[in-house]
C-alpha atoms as a PDB file:
ATOM      1  CA  MET A   1     -55.520-127.859  76.064  1.00  0.00           C
ATOM      2  CA  THR A   2     -54.864-130.151  73.149  1.00  0.00           C
ATOM      3  CA  ASP A   3     -57.157-133.149  72.964  1.00  0.00           C
ATOM      4  CA  PHE A   4     -54.942-136.145  72.268  1.00  0.00           C
ATOM      5  CA  ASN A   5     -57.808-138.591  72.158  1.00  0.00           C
ATOM      6  CA  LYS A   6     -56.828-141.148  69.497  1.00  0.00           C
ATOM      7  CA  SER A   7     -54.059-138.877  68.187  1.00  0.00           C
ATOM      8  CA  ILE A   8     -51.096-140.221  66.289  1.00  0.00           C
ATOM      9  CA  VAL A   9     -48.098-137.909  66.152  1.00  0.00           C
ATOM     10  CA  CYS A  10     -45.738-138.178  63.171  1.00  0.00           C
ATOM     11  CA  THR A  11     -42.259-136.826  62.625  1.00  0.00           C
ATOM     12  CA  GLU A  12     -39.743-137.401  59.862  1.00  0.00           C
ATOM     13  CA  TYR A  13     -38.186-140.170  61.948  1.00  0.00           C
ATOM     14  CA  GLY A  14     -40.884-141.478  64.253  1.00  0.00           C
ATOM     15  CA  VAL A  15     -44.529-142.294  64.823  1.00  0.00           C
ATOM     16  CA  TYR A  16     -46.029-141.867  68.302  1.00  0.00           C
ATOM     17  CA  GLU A  17     -49.267-143.727  69.023  1.00  0.00           C
ATOM     18  CA  PRO A  18     -51.245-143.719  72.273  1.00  0.00           C
ATOM     19  CA  ILE A  19     -51.091-147.020  74.137  1.00  0.00           C
ATOM     20  CA  THR A  20     -54.118-149.242  74.547  1.00  0.00           C
ATOM     21  CA  LYS A  21     -54.959-151.867  77.144  1.00  0.00           C
ATOM     22  CA  ASP A  22     -53.839-154.476  74.601  1.00  0.00           C
ATOM     23  CA  ASP A  23     -50.295-153.064  74.920  1.00  0.00           C
ATOM     24  CA  ALA A  24     -49.869-154.268  78.515  1.00  0.00           C
ATOM     25  CA  GLN A  25     -47.542-157.137  77.601  1.00  0.00           C
ATOM     26  CA  LEU A  26     -45.587-154.911  75.196  1.00  0.00           C
ATOM     27  CA  ILE A  27     -44.997-152.395  77.983  1.00  0.00           C
ATOM     28  CA  ILE A  28     -43.817-155.142  80.323  1.00  0.00           C
ATOM     29  CA  ASP A  29     -41.488-156.528  77.654  1.00  0.00           C
ATOM     30  CA  ILE A  30     -39.894-153.168  76.828  1.00  0.00           C
ATOM     31  CA  ARG A  31     -39.624-151.983  80.433  1.00  0.00           C
ATOM     32  CA  ARG A  32     -38.166-155.295  81.669  1.00  0.00           C
ATOM     33  CA  SER A  33     -35.742-155.933  78.790  1.00  0.00           C
ATOM     34  CA  ALA A  34     -34.097-152.559  78.333  1.00  0.00           C
ATOM     35  CA  GLU A  35     -30.420-152.666  79.239  1.00  0.00           C
ATOM     36  CA  ASN A  36     -29.060-149.999  81.563  1.00  0.00           C
ATOM     37  CA  SER A  37     -32.526-148.626  82.237  1.00  0.00           C
ATOM     38  CA  VAL A  38     -32.733-145.988  84.961  1.00  0.00           C
ATOM     39  CA  LEU A  39     -36.514-146.337  85.246  1.00  0.00           C
ATOM     40  CA  HIS A  40     -38.142-147.910  88.270  1.00  0.00           C
ATOM     41  CA  GLU A  41     -38.827-151.600  87.789  1.00  0.00           C
ATOM     42  CA  ILE A  42     -42.399-152.583  87.080  1.00  0.00           C
ATOM     43  CA  SER A  43     -44.265-155.767  87.847  1.00  0.00           C
ATOM     44  CA  SER A  44     -44.147-158.597  85.306  1.00  0.00           C
ATOM     45  CA  SER A  45     -47.793-159.291  86.072  1.00  0.00           C
ATOM     46  CA  LEU A  46     -50.113-158.705  83.135  1.00  0.00           C
ATOM     47  CA  ALA A  47     -52.976-158.033  85.573  1.00  0.00           C
ATOM     48  CA  ALA A  48     -50.923-155.362  87.373  1.00  0.00           C
ATOM     49  CA  GLN A  49     -50.082-153.645  84.072  1.00  0.00           C
ATOM     50  CA  GLN A  50     -53.717-153.756  82.958  1.00  0.00           C
ATOM     51  CA  SER A  51     -54.714-152.240  86.296  1.00  0.00           C
ATOM     52  CA  TYR A  52     -52.133-149.475  85.730  1.00  0.00           C
ATOM     53  CA  PHE A  53     -53.685-148.893  82.303  1.00  0.00           C
ATOM     54  CA  ASP A  54     -57.141-148.435  83.847  1.00  0.00           C
ATOM     55  CA  ARG A  55     -55.776-145.705  86.157  1.00  0.00           C
ATOM     56  CA  TYR A  56     -53.848-144.138  83.285  1.00  0.00           C
ATOM     57  CA  LYS A  57     -56.954-144.183  81.036  1.00  0.00           C
ATOM     58  CA  ARG A  58     -58.781-141.921  83.478  1.00  0.00           C
ATOM     59  CA  ARG A  59     -55.893-139.421  83.332  1.00  0.00           C
ATOM     60  CA  PHE A  60     -55.832-139.710  79.522  1.00  0.00           C
ATOM     61  CA  ASP A  61     -59.581-139.099  79.242  1.00  0.00           C
ATOM     62  CA  GLU A  62     -59.171-135.985  81.399  1.00  0.00           C
ATOM     63  CA  ASN A  63     -56.327-134.748  79.101  1.00  0.00           C
ATOM     64  CA  LYS A  64     -53.849-134.974  81.982  1.00  0.00           C
ATOM     65  CA  GLU A  65     -51.466-137.494  80.433  1.00  0.00           C
ATOM     66  CA  ILE A  66     -50.705-139.426  77.265  1.00  0.00           C
ATOM     67  CA  TYR A  67     -48.564-142.561  77.054  1.00  0.00           C
ATOM     68  CA  PHE A  68     -47.061-143.150  73.620  1.00  0.00           C
ATOM     69  CA  LYS A  69     -45.662-146.201  71.861  1.00  0.00           C
ATOM     70  CA  ILE A  70     -42.734-145.159  69.670  1.00  0.00           C
ATOM     71  CA  PHE A  71     -42.108-146.574  66.188  1.00  0.00           C
ATOM     72  CA  GLN A  72     -39.424-145.704  63.677  1.00  0.00           C
ATOM     73  CA  LYS A  73     -41.179-144.217  60.642  1.00  0.00           C
ATOM     74  CA  GLY A  74     -42.038-147.056  58.275  1.00  0.00           C
ATOM     75  CA  GLY A  75     -41.387-149.685  60.945  1.00  0.00           C
ATOM     76  CA  ALA A  76     -43.887-152.116  62.392  1.00  0.00           C
ATOM     77  CA  LYS A  77     -42.069-152.927  65.650  1.00  0.00           C
ATOM     78  CA  CYS A  78     -42.628-150.752  68.706  1.00  0.00           C
ATOM     79  CA  LEU A  79     -39.170-149.554  69.763  1.00  0.00           C
ATOM     80  CA  GLY A  80     -39.938-147.495  72.835  1.00  0.00           C
ATOM     81  CA  LEU A  81     -42.309-145.746  75.195  1.00  0.00           C
ATOM     82  CA  VAL A  82     -42.721-142.241  76.602  1.00  0.00           C
ATOM     83  CA  ARG A  83     -45.313-140.458  78.742  1.00  0.00           C
ATOM     84  CA  LEU A  84     -46.283-136.806  78.379  1.00  0.00           C
ATOM     85  CA  THR A  85     -47.583-135.871  81.838  1.00  0.00           C
ATOM     86  CA  GLU A  86     -48.927-133.080  84.045  1.00  0.00           C
ATOM     87  CA  LEU A  87     -50.836-131.643  81.096  1.00  0.00           C
ATOM     88  CA  ASP A  88     -53.604-130.190  83.264  1.00  0.00           C
ATOM     89  CA  GLY A  89     -51.419-127.373  84.617  1.00  0.00           C
ATOM     90  CA  ASP A  90     -51.705-123.882  83.169  1.00  0.00           C
ATOM     91  CA  ARG A  91     -48.009-123.324  82.457  1.00  0.00           C
ATOM     92  CA  ARG A  92     -46.158-126.567  83.118  1.00  0.00           C
ATOM     93  CA  PHE A  93     -45.946-130.062  81.669  1.00  0.00           C
ATOM     94  CA  ASN A  94     -43.549-132.958  81.947  1.00  0.00           C
ATOM     95  CA  PHE A  95     -42.393-136.025  80.097  1.00  0.00           C
ATOM     96  CA  GLN A  96     -41.334-139.223  81.788  1.00  0.00           C
ATOM     97  CA  SER A  97     -40.508-142.888  81.419  1.00  0.00           C
ATOM     98  CA  LEU A  98     -38.663-142.599  78.122  1.00  0.00           C
ATOM     99  CA  ILE A  99     -37.249-146.017  77.286  1.00  0.00           C
ATOM    100  CA  PHE A 100     -36.108-147.814  74.132  1.00  0.00           C
ATOM    101  CA  ARG A 101     -35.242-151.332  73.074  1.00  0.00           C
ATOM    102  CA  LYS A 102     -31.489-151.813  72.688  1.00  0.00           C
ATOM    103  CA  ASP A 103     -31.809-152.220  68.894  1.00  0.00           C
ATOM    104  CA  SER A 104     -33.400-148.768  68.466  1.00  0.00           C
ATOM    105  CA  PRO A 105     -31.554-146.184  66.388  1.00  0.00           C
ATOM    106  CA  PRO A 106     -29.994-143.506  68.628  1.00  0.00           C
ATOM    107  CA  PHE A 107     -31.520-140.613  66.667  1.00  0.00           C
ATOM    108  CA  LEU A 108     -34.993-141.766  67.722  1.00  0.00           C
ATOM    109  CA  ALA A 109     -34.293-140.727  71.333  1.00  0.00           C
ATOM    110  CA  ILE A 110     -33.401-137.202  70.182  1.00  0.00           C
ATOM    111  CA  ASP A 111     -36.510-137.049  68.008  1.00  0.00           C
ATOM    112  CA  THR A 112     -38.679-138.231  70.892  1.00  0.00           C
ATOM    113  CA  ILE A 113     -37.305-135.741  73.408  1.00  0.00           C
ATOM    114  CA  PHE A 114     -37.561-132.860  70.947  1.00  0.00           C
ATOM    115  CA  THR A 115     -41.071-133.891  69.856  1.00  0.00           C
ATOM    116  CA  MET A 116     -42.305-134.026  73.463  1.00  0.00           C
ATOM    117  CA  TYR A 117     -40.953-130.488  73.960  1.00  0.00           C
ATOM    118  CA  GLU A 118     -42.686-129.334  70.779  1.00  0.00           C
ATOM    119  CA  LEU A 119     -45.985-130.832  71.866  1.00  0.00           C
ATOM    120  CA  GLY A 120     -45.777-129.071  75.224  1.00  0.00           C
ATOM    121  CA  PHE A 121     -44.355-125.717  74.198  1.00  0.00           C
ATOM    122  CA  VAL A 122     -45.852-125.266  70.720  1.00  0.00           C
ATOM    123  CA  LYS A 123     -49.072-127.280  70.630  1.00  0.00           C
ATOM    124  CA  MET A 124     -50.105-126.674  74.247  1.00  0.00           C
ATOM    125  CA  SER A 125     -48.436-123.258  74.784  1.00  0.00           C
ATOM    126  CA  LYS A 126     -46.785-124.288  78.059  1.00  0.00           C
ATOM    127  CA  ASP A 127     -43.857-122.323  79.512  1.00  0.00           C
ATOM    128  CA  ILE A 128     -41.950-124.928  81.549  1.00  0.00           C
ATOM    129  CA  CYS A 129     -41.211-128.634  81.222  1.00  0.00           C
ATOM    130  CA  GLY A 130     -40.221-130.403  84.415  1.00  0.00           C
ATOM    131  CA  PRO A 131     -38.695-130.712  86.795  1.00  0.00           C
ATOM    132  CA  TRP A 132     -37.783-134.317  86.180  1.00  0.00           C
ATOM    133  CA  LEU A 133     -35.212-136.512  87.839  1.00  0.00           C
ATOM    134  CA  VAL A 134     -32.338-138.437  86.302  1.00  0.00           C
ATOM    135  CA  PRO A 135     -30.781-140.953  88.680  1.00  0.00           C
ATOM    136  CA  ARG A 136     -27.035-140.541  89.249  1.00  0.00           C
ATOM    137  CA  SER A 137     -26.611-143.929  87.582  1.00  0.00           C
ATOM    138  CA  GLY A 138     -28.123-142.478  84.368  1.00  0.00           C
ATOM    139  CA  THR A 139     -24.930-140.850  83.129  1.00  0.00           C
ATOM    140  CA  GLN A 140     -25.808-141.405  79.440  1.00  0.00           C
ATOM    141  CA  VAL A 141     -29.272-139.888  79.933  1.00  0.00           C
ATOM    142  CA  ARG A 142     -27.759-136.870  81.673  1.00  0.00           C
ATOM    143  CA  LYS A 143     -25.144-136.438  78.921  1.00  0.00           C
ATOM    144  CA  LEU A 144     -27.814-136.567  76.212  1.00  0.00           C
ATOM    145  CA  HIS A 145     -29.916-133.857  77.866  1.00  0.00           C
ATOM    146  CA  LEU A 146     -26.873-131.624  78.353  1.00  0.00           C
ATOM    147  CA  LYS A 147     -25.568-132.227  74.816  1.00  0.00           C
ATOM    148  CA  MET A 148     -28.919-131.270  73.257  1.00  0.00           C
ATOM    149  CA  GLY A 149     -28.515-127.876  74.935  1.00  0.00           C
ATOM    150  CA  ILE A 150     -32.200-127.474  75.773  1.00  0.00           C
ATOM    151  CA  ALA A 151     -32.563-128.879  79.287  1.00  0.00           C
ATOM    152  CA  THR A 152     -30.991-127.130  82.264  1.00  0.00           C
ATOM    153  CA  GLU A 153     -29.679-129.061  85.219  1.00  0.00           C
ATOM    154  CA  VAL A 154     -31.004-126.970  88.084  1.00  0.00           C
ATOM    155  CA  MET A 155     -29.655-128.984  91.013  1.00  0.00           C
ATOM    156  CA  ALA A 156     -28.368-132.351  92.101  1.00  0.00           C
ATOM    157  CA  ASN A 157     -28.240-134.390  95.260  1.00  0.00           C
ATOM    158  CA  GLU A 158     -26.603-137.681  96.154  1.00  0.00           C
ATOM    159  CA  ASN A 159     -29.272-139.642  94.227  1.00  0.00           C
ATOM    160  CA  TYR A 160     -30.527-137.502  91.335  1.00  0.00           C
ATOM    161  CA  TYR A 161     -29.909-134.725  88.826  1.00  0.00           C
ATOM    162  CA  PHE A 162     -32.887-132.361  88.464  1.00  0.00           C
ATOM    163  CA  PHE A 163     -33.698-130.889  85.033  1.00  0.00           C
ATOM    164  CA  ILE A 164     -36.112-128.338  83.608  1.00  0.00           C
ATOM    165  CA  VAL A 165     -36.670-126.806  80.179  1.00  0.00           C
ATOM    166  CA  THR A 166     -38.037-123.328  79.663  1.00  0.00           C
ATOM    167  CA  LYS A 167     -39.901-122.276  76.552  1.00  0.00           C
ATOM    168  CA  ASP A 168     -37.340-119.520  75.923  1.00  0.00           C
ATOM    169  CA  ILE A 169     -34.408-121.951  75.757  1.00  0.00           C
ATOM    170  CA  PHE A 170     -36.431-124.396  73.657  1.00  0.00           C
ATOM    171  CA  VAL A 171     -37.263-121.645  71.160  1.00  0.00           C
ATOM    172  CA  GLN A 172     -33.570-120.652  70.946  1.00  0.00           C
ATOM    173  CA  ARG A 173     -32.596-124.232  69.994  1.00  0.00           C
ATOM    174  CA  ARG A 174     -35.688-125.159  67.979  1.00  0.00           C
ATOM    175  CA  GLU A 175     -34.483-124.229  64.491  1.00  0.00           C
ATOM    176  CA  PHE A 176     -31.231-126.152  64.960  1.00  0.00           C
ATOM    177  CA  PHE A 177     -33.182-129.365  65.603  1.00  0.00           C
ATOM    178  CA  LYS A 178     -35.821-128.602  62.956  1.00  0.00           C
ATOM    179  CA  ASN A 179     -33.032-128.194  60.368  1.00  0.00           C
ATOM    180  CA  LEU A 180     -31.884-131.724  61.233  1.00  0.00           C
ATOM    181  CA  GLY A 181     -35.418-132.997  60.585  1.00  0.00           C
ATOM    182  CA  PHE A 182     -36.448-133.576  64.210  1.00  0.00           C
ATOM    183  CA  GLY A 183     -39.874-132.870  65.638  1.00  0.00           C
ATOM    184  CA  LEU A 184     -43.382-132.425  64.361  1.00  0.00           C
ATOM    185  CA  GLN A 185     -44.040-132.396  60.642  1.00  0.00           C
ATOM    186  CA  LYS A 186     -45.322-129.134  59.243  1.00  0.00           C
END
């Protein structure tokens, strides 16, 4: 298990910093203002978000989850959020709640997705990411996952598409994305 306590993850394009309780308003602002978001709505209450942070902090301290703020490299403004979850399993992990401000560069989403896979598969030696759900209304999110050629849509129902990523498929596509500069710095 990788200990993410106070870790900052850097890539050629992005910087990923763990959230703090002081980020409660930032999280509300990003989650509430994102256009076309497919994430569940959250409360606008600062107290409710701080309470969520307290529950999250226990999971973080137990190395079960890490919630990152996303910055473009060299930028001071937080552009997005993502959670790396289910880290306490032997073989499986997940990432969830990826969201960006509308003025974020599109390549940052690809970097974030790929970096979360690298953290799980390379740094933590996991074998499977997922399953995670993409609502039917999230057509752009679905297209991005399919276009990257790493995630596999394993099923769908009237409400959701279900995706997983296996380590084998990630490894097959890894060099392609590394050659474009995505993912963890060496």
